[in-house]
C-alpha atoms as a PDB file:
ATOM      1  CA  MET A   1      65.675 -44.128 -49.342  1.00  0.00           C
ATOM      2  CA  ARG A   2      65.082 -46.504 -52.265  1.00  0.00           C
ATOM      3  CA  PHE A   3      65.683 -50.106 -53.282  1.00  0.00           C
ATOM      4  CA  GLU A   4      67.629 -50.829 -56.418  1.00  0.00           C
ATOM      5  CA  ILE A   5      67.496 -54.246 -58.148  1.00  0.00           C
ATOM      6  CA  HIS A   6      70.205 -55.313 -60.505  1.00  0.00           C
ATOM      7  CA  GLN A   7      71.674 -58.355 -62.206  1.00  0.00           C
ATOM      8  CA  GLU A   8      75.368 -59.138 -61.552  1.00  0.00           C
ATOM      9  CA  GLY A   9      77.549 -59.603 -64.529  1.00  0.00           C
ATOM     10  CA  VAL A  10      78.364 -63.089 -65.816  1.00  0.00           C
ATOM     11  CA  THR A  11      81.999 -64.344 -65.622  1.00  0.00           C
ATOM     12  CA  ARG A  12      83.114 -67.364 -67.681  1.00  0.00           C
ATOM     13  CA  LEU A  13      85.228 -69.469 -65.372  1.00  0.00           C
ATOM     14  CA  THR A  14      85.832 -72.328 -67.924  1.00  0.00           C
ATOM     15  CA  GLY A  15      84.447 -73.231 -71.231  1.00  0.00           C
ATOM     16  CA  LEU A  16      81.488 -74.874 -69.532  1.00  0.00           C
ATOM     17  CA  ARG A  17      81.000 -73.020 -66.307  1.00  0.00           C
ATOM     18  CA  ASN A  18      79.627 -69.460 -65.632  1.00  0.00           C
ATOM     19  CA  ALA A  19      79.676 -67.478 -62.317  1.00  0.00           C
ATOM     20  CA  GLY A  20      77.508 -64.576 -61.535  1.00  0.00           C
ATOM     21  CA  GLY A  21      74.403 -63.452 -63.216  1.00  0.00           C
ATOM     22  CA  ASP A  22      72.387 -63.561 -60.060  1.00  0.00           C
ATOM     23  CA  TRP A  23      69.929 -60.839 -58.972  1.00  0.00           C
ATOM     24  CA  ARG A  24      70.636 -58.576 -56.023  1.00  0.00           C
ATOM     25  CA  TRP A  25      68.902 -55.647 -54.180  1.00  0.00           C
ATOM     26  CA  GLU A  26      70.425 -52.756 -52.386  1.00  0.00           C
ATOM     27  CA  LEU A  27      68.798 -50.224 -50.184  1.00  0.00           C
ATOM     28  CA  LEU A  28      70.353 -46.821 -50.756  1.00  0.00           C
ATOM     29  CA  ASP A  29      69.960 -43.589 -48.731  1.00  0.00           C
ATOM     30  CA  ASP A  30      69.397 -40.048 -50.227  1.00  0.00           C
ATOM     31  CA  ASP A  31      73.202 -39.691 -50.655  1.00  0.00           C
ATOM     32  CA  ASN A  32      73.398 -42.989 -52.700  1.00  0.00           C
ATOM     33  CA  CYS A  33      75.205 -44.861 -49.917  1.00  0.00           C
ATOM     34  CA  VAL A  34      74.346 -48.526 -49.605  1.00  0.00           C
ATOM     35  CA  VAL A  35      72.591 -49.057 -46.279  1.00  0.00           C
ATOM     36  CA  ALA A  36      71.742 -52.737 -46.804  1.00  0.00           C
ATOM     37  CA  SER A  37      72.144 -55.392 -49.512  1.00  0.00           C
ATOM     38  CA  GLY A  38      70.694 -58.745 -50.217  1.00  0.00           C
ATOM     39  CA  GLN A  39      72.037 -62.146 -51.181  1.00  0.00           C
ATOM     40  CA  GLY A  40      72.049 -63.316 -54.783  1.00  0.00           C
ATOM     41  CA  TYR A  41      68.769 -64.699 -56.243  1.00  0.00           C
ATOM     42  CA  ARG A  42      68.364 -66.952 -59.227  1.00  0.00           C
ATOM     43  CA  THR A  43      65.615 -64.955 -60.746  1.00  0.00           C
ATOM     44  CA  ARG A  44      64.446 -61.297 -60.775  1.00  0.00           C
ATOM     45  CA  ALA A  45      61.089 -62.459 -59.430  1.00  0.00           C
ATOM     46  CA  GLU A  46      62.677 -63.996 -56.349  1.00  0.00           C
ATOM     47  CA  CYS A  47      64.691 -60.745 -55.732  1.00  0.00           C
ATOM     48  CA  VAL A  48      61.545 -58.630 -56.137  1.00  0.00           C
ATOM     49  CA  HIS A  49      59.721 -60.810 -53.755  1.00  0.00           C
ATOM     50  CA  ALA A  50      62.372 -60.340 -51.093  1.00  0.00           C
ATOM     51  CA  VAL A  51      62.122 -56.585 -51.432  1.00  0.00           C
ATOM     52  CA  ASP A  52      58.350 -56.754 -51.204  1.00  0.00           C
ATOM     53  CA  VAL A  53      58.640 -58.773 -47.978  1.00  0.00           C
ATOM     54  CA  LEU A  54      61.000 -56.387 -46.499  1.00  0.00           C
ATOM     55  CA  LYS A  55      58.821 -53.369 -47.383  1.00  0.00           C
ATOM     56  CA  ALA A  56      55.783 -55.073 -45.990  1.00  0.00           C
ATOM     57  CA  THR A  57      57.350 -56.148 -42.637  1.00  0.00           C
ATOM     58  CA  ALA A  58      60.294 -53.854 -41.765  1.00  0.00           C
ATOM     59  CA  ALA A  59      58.380 -51.155 -39.720  1.00  0.00           C
ATOM     60  CA  GLY A  60      57.041 -53.775 -37.238  1.00  0.00           C
ATOM     61  CA  THR A  61      60.190 -56.041 -37.109  1.00  0.00           C
ATOM     62  CA  GLN A  62      61.662 -56.523 -33.671  1.00  0.00           C
ATOM     63  CA  VAL A  63      65.320 -55.877 -33.153  1.00  0.00           C
ATOM     64  CA  VAL A  64      67.146 -58.442 -30.970  1.00  0.00           C
ATOM     65  CA  ASN A  65      70.619 -58.062 -29.571  1.00  0.00           C
ATOM     66  CA  ARG A  66      72.775 -61.141 -29.681  1.00  0.00           C
ATOM     67  CA  ASP A  67      75.677 -60.858 -27.106  1.00  0.00           C
END
């Protein structure tokens, strides 16, 4: 398993407005299948921080069923 961090491409919507360009993470298994992915982050540092938090806390995280 590994985390991959990448920046989405920027799409110009109008002459003044852009969409995309945000940073995202994906957790991939050994077969390169996406197991989980994160929301868009404004900066690479925010995205890396989210991955670091996941890595530090995932093993002890409680699973709660919501029925």
